[in-house]
N, C-alpha and C. Protein backbone atom coordinates (compact mmCIF):
# COMPACT_ATOMS: atom_id res chain seq x y z
N UNK A 1 0.62 -1.55 -0.06
CA UNK A 1 0.21 -0.37 -0.22
C UNK A 1 0.40 1.18 -0.18
N UNK A 2 2.03 1.31 -0.25
CA UNK A 2 2.82 2.37 -0.22
C UNK A 2 2.42 3.10 -1.47
N UNK A 3 1.96 2.84 -2.55
CA UNK A 3 1.50 3.99 -3.49
C UNK A 3 0.04 4.49 -3.05
N UNK A 4 -1.22 3.82 -2.14
CA UNK A 4 -2.05 4.03 -2.11
C UNK A 4 -2.48 6.07 -1.67
N UNK A 5 -1.41 6.18 -0.05
CA UNK A 5 -1.72 7.18 0.18
C UNK A 5 -1.41 8.55 -0.92
N UNK A 6 0.03 8.35 -1.95
CA UNK A 6 0.03 9.49 -2.96
C UNK A 6 -0.87 9.60 -3.82
N UNK A 7 -1.28 8.11 -3.85
CA UNK A 7 -2.65 8.45 -4.97
C UNK A 7 -3.90 9.16 -4.96
N UNK A 8 -4.30 8.79 -3.71
CA UNK A 8 -5.32 9.48 -2.74
C UNK A 8 -5.32 10.86 -2.80
N UNK A 9 -3.93 11.28 -2.32
CA UNK A 9 -3.97 12.73 -2.11
C UNK A 9 -3.85 13.39 -3.49
N UNK A 10 -3.05 12.93 -4.23
CA UNK A 10 -3.24 13.09 -5.70
C UNK A 10 -4.35 13.88 -6.53
N UNK A 11 -5.48 12.43 -6.22
CA UNK A 11 -6.96 12.66 -6.70
C UNK A 11 -7.50 13.56 -5.99
N UNK A 12 -7.09 13.70 -4.50
CA UNK A 12 -8.40 14.50 -4.02
C UNK A 12 -8.13 15.89 -4.23
N UNK A 13 -6.16 16.35 -4.37
CA UNK A 13 -5.92 17.81 -5.03
C UNK A 13 -6.18 17.81 -6.41
N UNK A 14 -6.14 16.70 -7.24
CA UNK A 14 -6.74 17.46 -8.63
C UNK A 14 -7.82 17.76 -8.30
N UNK A 15 -8.69 17.11 -7.74
CA UNK A 15 -10.28 17.14 -7.81
C UNK A 15 -10.56 18.83 -7.10
N UNK A 16 -9.89 19.12 -6.64
CA UNK A 16 -10.04 20.31 -5.87
C UNK A 16 -9.77 21.37 -7.18
N UNK A 17 -8.17 21.13 -7.51
CA UNK A 17 -7.96 22.25 -8.78
C UNK A 17 -8.63 22.37 -9.83
N UNK A 18 -9.25 20.82 -10.22
CA UNK A 18 -10.07 20.96 -11.58
C UNK A 18 -11.18 21.93 -11.69
N UNK A 19 -11.88 21.21 -10.23
CA UNK A 19 -13.48 21.71 -10.04
C UNK A 19 -13.40 23.20 -9.64
N UNK A 20 -12.45 23.46 -8.96
CA UNK A 20 -12.55 25.46 -9.45
C UNK A 20 -12.08 26.37 -10.19
N UNK A 21 -10.91 25.75 -11.31
CA UNK A 21 -10.56 26.28 -12.20
C UNK A 21 -12.40 26.01 -13.29
N UNK A 22 -13.02 25.04 -12.98
CA UNK A 22 -14.32 24.51 -13.73
C UNK A 22 -15.23 25.60 -13.41
N UNK A 23 -15.43 26.22 -12.37
CA UNK A 23 -16.28 26.67 -11.28
C UNK A 23 -15.90 28.22 -11.82
N UNK A 24 -14.61 29.02 -11.76
CA UNK A 24 -14.45 29.94 -11.61
C UNK A 24 -14.02 30.04 -13.04
N UNK A 25 -13.90 29.29 -14.19
CA UNK A 25 -13.43 29.60 -15.52
C UNK A 25 -11.73 30.25 -15.70
N UNK A 26 -11.28 30.04 -17.03
CA UNK A 26 -10.12 30.65 -17.05
C UNK A 26 -9.47 31.71 -16.48
N UNK A 27 -10.80 32.57 -17.02
CA UNK A 27 -10.63 33.75 -16.27
C UNK A 27 -10.40 34.49 -14.79
N UNK A 28 -11.30 33.87 -14.36
CA UNK A 28 -11.60 34.17 -13.01
C UNK A 28 -10.38 33.67 -12.10
N UNK A 29 -9.74 32.33 -12.83
CA UNK A 29 -8.39 31.38 -12.23
C UNK A 29 -7.69 32.31 -12.55
N UNK A 30 -7.35 33.04 -13.40
CA UNK A 30 -5.81 33.41 -13.71
C UNK A 30 -5.67 34.59 -13.88
N UNK A 31 -6.81 35.23 -14.09
CA UNK A 31 -6.54 36.48 -15.09
C UNK A 31 -7.41 37.78 -14.15
N UNK A 32 -8.31 37.64 -13.26
CA UNK A 32 -9.30 38.16 -12.37
C UNK A 32 -8.27 39.59 -11.24
N UNK A 33 -7.35 38.70 -10.92
CA UNK A 33 -6.61 39.69 -10.04
C UNK A 33 -6.14 40.80 -10.92
N UNK A 34 -5.09 40.01 -12.16
CA UNK A 34 -4.15 40.66 -12.58
C UNK A 34 -4.80 41.93 -13.36
N UNK A 35 -6.07 41.38 -13.91
CA UNK A 35 -6.77 42.68 -14.88
C UNK A 35 -8.16 43.14 -14.41
N UNK A 36 -8.17 42.71 -12.94
CA UNK A 36 -9.59 43.49 -12.52
C UNK A 36 -10.98 42.46 -12.88
N UNK A 37 -10.87 41.36 -13.57
CA UNK A 37 -12.10 40.99 -13.66
C UNK A 37 -12.61 40.15 -12.88
N UNK A 38 -12.94 40.74 -12.16
CA UNK A 38 -13.71 39.88 -11.03
C UNK A 38 -15.09 39.10 -11.34
N UNK A 39 -15.77 38.07 -10.52
CA UNK A 39 -16.69 37.66 -10.63
C UNK A 39 -17.78 38.68 -9.15
N UNK A 40 -18.68 38.92 -9.89
CA UNK A 40 -19.92 39.47 -9.30
C UNK A 40 -20.05 38.59 -7.83
N UNK A 41 -20.99 37.38 -8.40
CA UNK A 41 -21.07 36.87 -6.65
C UNK A 41 -20.28 35.91 -6.35
N UNK A 42 -20.44 35.96 -4.79
CA UNK A 42 -19.17 34.71 -4.30
C UNK A 42 -19.82 33.43 -4.72
N UNK A 43 -18.59 32.66 -5.26
CA UNK A 43 -19.14 31.38 -5.56
C UNK A 43 -18.90 30.42 -4.49
N UNK A 44 -20.33 29.68 -3.80
CA UNK A 44 -20.81 28.53 -2.82
C UNK A 44 -20.78 27.32 -3.66
N UNK A 45 -20.88 27.03 -4.60
CA UNK A 45 -20.70 25.60 -4.74
C UNK A 45 -19.30 24.79 -4.70
N UNK A 46 -19.63 23.65 -4.95
CA UNK A 46 -18.39 22.88 -5.13
C UNK A 46 -17.26 22.84 -5.70
N UNK A 47 -16.13 23.43 -5.54
CA UNK A 47 -15.58 22.45 -4.49
C UNK A 47 -15.28 23.59 -2.94
N UNK A 48 -16.19 25.11 -3.44
CA UNK A 48 -16.16 26.00 -2.18
C UNK A 48 -16.65 26.25 -1.01
N UNK A 49 -17.75 25.17 -0.84
CA UNK A 49 -18.30 24.84 -0.15
C UNK A 49 -17.64 23.76 0.74
N UNK A 50 -16.80 23.13 0.40
CA UNK A 50 -15.72 22.12 1.02
C UNK A 50 -14.79 22.41 1.87
N UNK A 51 -14.15 23.73 0.90
CA UNK A 51 -12.67 24.41 1.54
C UNK A 51 -12.89 25.37 0.82
N UNK A 52 -12.12 26.03 1.93
CA UNK A 52 -12.25 27.85 1.40
C UNK A 52 -11.32 28.04 0.07
N UNK A 53 -10.41 27.85 -0.05
CA UNK A 53 -9.12 28.03 -1.38
C UNK A 53 -8.85 26.44 -1.86
N UNK A 54 -9.65 26.27 -2.23
CA UNK A 54 -9.24 24.69 -3.04
C UNK A 54 -8.16 24.95 -3.98
N UNK A 55 -7.76 25.82 -4.57
CA UNK A 55 -6.72 25.47 -5.75
C UNK A 55 -5.39 25.27 -4.79
N UNK A 56 -5.22 26.45 -3.70
CA UNK A 56 -4.17 26.34 -2.69
C UNK A 56 -4.14 24.96 -2.64
N UNK A 57 -5.00 24.48 -1.74
CA UNK A 57 -5.10 23.37 -1.11
C UNK A 57 -4.56 22.10 -1.73
N UNK A 58 -5.69 22.03 -3.19
CA UNK A 58 -5.57 20.86 -3.85
C UNK A 58 -3.92 21.19 -4.65
N UNK A 59 -3.38 21.74 -4.91
CA UNK A 59 -2.05 22.01 -5.75
C UNK A 59 -1.06 21.52 -4.63
N UNK A 60 -1.47 22.00 -3.08
CA UNK A 60 -0.47 21.60 -2.17
C UNK A 60 -0.26 20.24 -2.07
N UNK A 61 -1.65 19.46 -2.24
CA UNK A 61 -1.97 18.43 -1.71
C UNK A 61 -1.06 17.42 -3.06
N UNK A 62 -1.25 18.00 -4.03
CA UNK A 62 -0.72 17.34 -5.44
C UNK A 62 1.07 17.51 -4.90
N UNK A 63 1.78 18.38 -5.12
CA UNK A 63 3.25 18.35 -4.21
C UNK A 63 3.60 16.86 -3.38
N UNK A 64 2.54 17.52 -2.06
CA UNK A 64 2.69 16.30 -1.36
C UNK A 64 2.60 14.72 -1.77
N UNK A 65 1.70 14.51 -2.81
CA UNK A 65 2.04 13.45 -3.27
C UNK A 65 3.00 12.98 -4.36
N UNK A 66 3.35 13.80 -4.93
CA UNK A 66 4.38 13.42 -5.73
C UNK A 66 5.68 13.34 -4.76
N UNK A 67 5.93 14.32 -3.70
CA UNK A 67 6.95 13.62 -3.06
C UNK A 67 7.08 12.32 -2.37
N UNK A 68 5.67 11.96 -1.84
CA UNK A 68 5.53 10.61 -1.34
C UNK A 68 5.34 9.43 -2.15
N UNK A 69 5.34 9.94 -3.75
CA UNK A 69 5.07 8.94 -5.08
C UNK A 69 7.08 8.59 -5.00
N UNK A 70 7.92 9.39 -5.00
CA UNK A 70 8.97 9.46 -5.19
C UNK A 70 9.72 9.54 -3.89
N UNK A 71 9.23 9.45 -3.11
CA UNK A 71 10.02 9.28 -1.86
C UNK A 71 11.55 10.27 -1.88
N UNK A 72 10.95 11.21 -1.97
CA UNK A 72 11.62 12.38 -1.49
C UNK A 72 11.64 13.41 -0.29
N UNK A 73 12.32 13.40 0.44
CA UNK A 73 11.86 14.40 1.81
C UNK A 73 12.05 15.50 0.81
N UNK A 74 13.23 15.97 0.51
CA UNK A 74 13.22 17.32 0.34
C UNK A 74 11.87 18.14 -0.88
N UNK A 75 11.28 17.07 -1.38
CA UNK A 75 9.95 17.37 -2.36
C UNK A 75 8.97 17.69 -0.98
N UNK A 76 9.05 16.76 -0.01
CA UNK A 76 7.92 17.37 1.49
C UNK A 76 8.27 18.45 1.95
N UNK A 77 9.81 18.61 1.92
CA UNK A 77 10.31 20.22 2.37
C UNK A 77 9.44 21.55 1.36
N UNK A 78 9.74 21.06 -0.21
CA UNK A 78 9.00 22.27 -1.14
C UNK A 78 7.57 22.46 -0.95
N UNK A 79 7.16 21.19 -0.24
CA UNK A 79 5.37 21.26 -0.49
C UNK A 79 5.57 22.20 0.98
N UNK A 80 6.10 22.04 2.25
CA UNK A 80 6.53 22.77 2.90
C UNK A 80 6.26 24.53 2.78
N UNK A 81 7.61 24.55 2.16
CA UNK A 81 7.68 25.70 1.66
C UNK A 81 6.38 26.43 0.93
N UNK A 82 6.10 25.99 -0.21
CA UNK A 82 4.88 26.49 -0.52
C UNK A 82 3.62 26.57 0.06
N UNK A 83 3.29 25.49 1.36
CA UNK A 83 2.25 26.19 1.91
C UNK A 83 2.22 27.38 2.62
N UNK A 84 3.48 27.43 2.97
CA UNK A 84 4.05 29.37 3.78
C UNK A 84 3.81 29.86 2.99
N UNK A 85 4.24 30.16 1.75
CA UNK A 85 4.10 31.31 0.70
C UNK A 85 2.35 31.02 0.71
N UNK A 86 1.48 30.14 0.08
CA UNK A 86 0.64 30.23 -0.01
C UNK A 86 -0.51 30.98 0.91
N UNK A 87 0.13 30.65 2.35
CA UNK A 87 -0.42 31.40 3.42
C UNK A 87 -0.24 32.66 3.44
N UNK A 88 1.13 32.91 3.23
CA UNK A 88 0.99 34.67 3.22
C UNK A 88 0.16 35.16 1.82
N UNK A 89 0.22 34.31 0.55
CA UNK A 89 -0.53 34.85 -0.06
C UNK A 89 -1.98 35.41 -0.13
N UNK A 90 -2.61 34.02 0.49
CA UNK A 90 -3.93 34.14 1.28
C UNK A 90 -3.91 35.60 2.21
N UNK A 91 -3.33 35.95 3.05
CA UNK A 91 -3.27 36.86 3.85
C UNK A 91 -3.17 38.57 2.98
N UNK A 92 -2.64 38.35 2.39
CA UNK A 92 -2.48 39.42 1.13
C UNK A 92 -4.19 39.81 0.29
N UNK A 93 -4.64 38.49 0.23
CA UNK A 93 -5.76 38.60 -0.54
C UNK A 93 -6.92 38.84 0.08
N UNK A 94 -6.75 38.83 1.04
CA UNK A 94 -7.97 39.05 2.12
C UNK A 94 -8.99 38.38 2.03
C-alpha cells in the first residue's frame, strides 16, 4: 500500500484544482486579480462549499503526493515551503 496515500492525495488535490478552475473559468482563475476581472457573486458551490481555497490546498496536496510517490524528503520540504508561501498570499488576498 505504499502508493495508496500518494494516489489518494493526488486524486483529491486534482479534484479540488480542476473543479475550482471549472467553476471560476480561466478568466476567474488566472486573470481576475491581474486585470480587475472579478466575479460579481461569491462562488458557494463545490469545491468552495467544502474548502475555502481549493486551488491552493489542491495544488499543495499534489506537491505532497509527488514527494511521497518518489520518496523524496526534499519534496516534502518544498511542499512545506509552498504551503507557507500560499499562507502569505492568502493574507494579502484578504
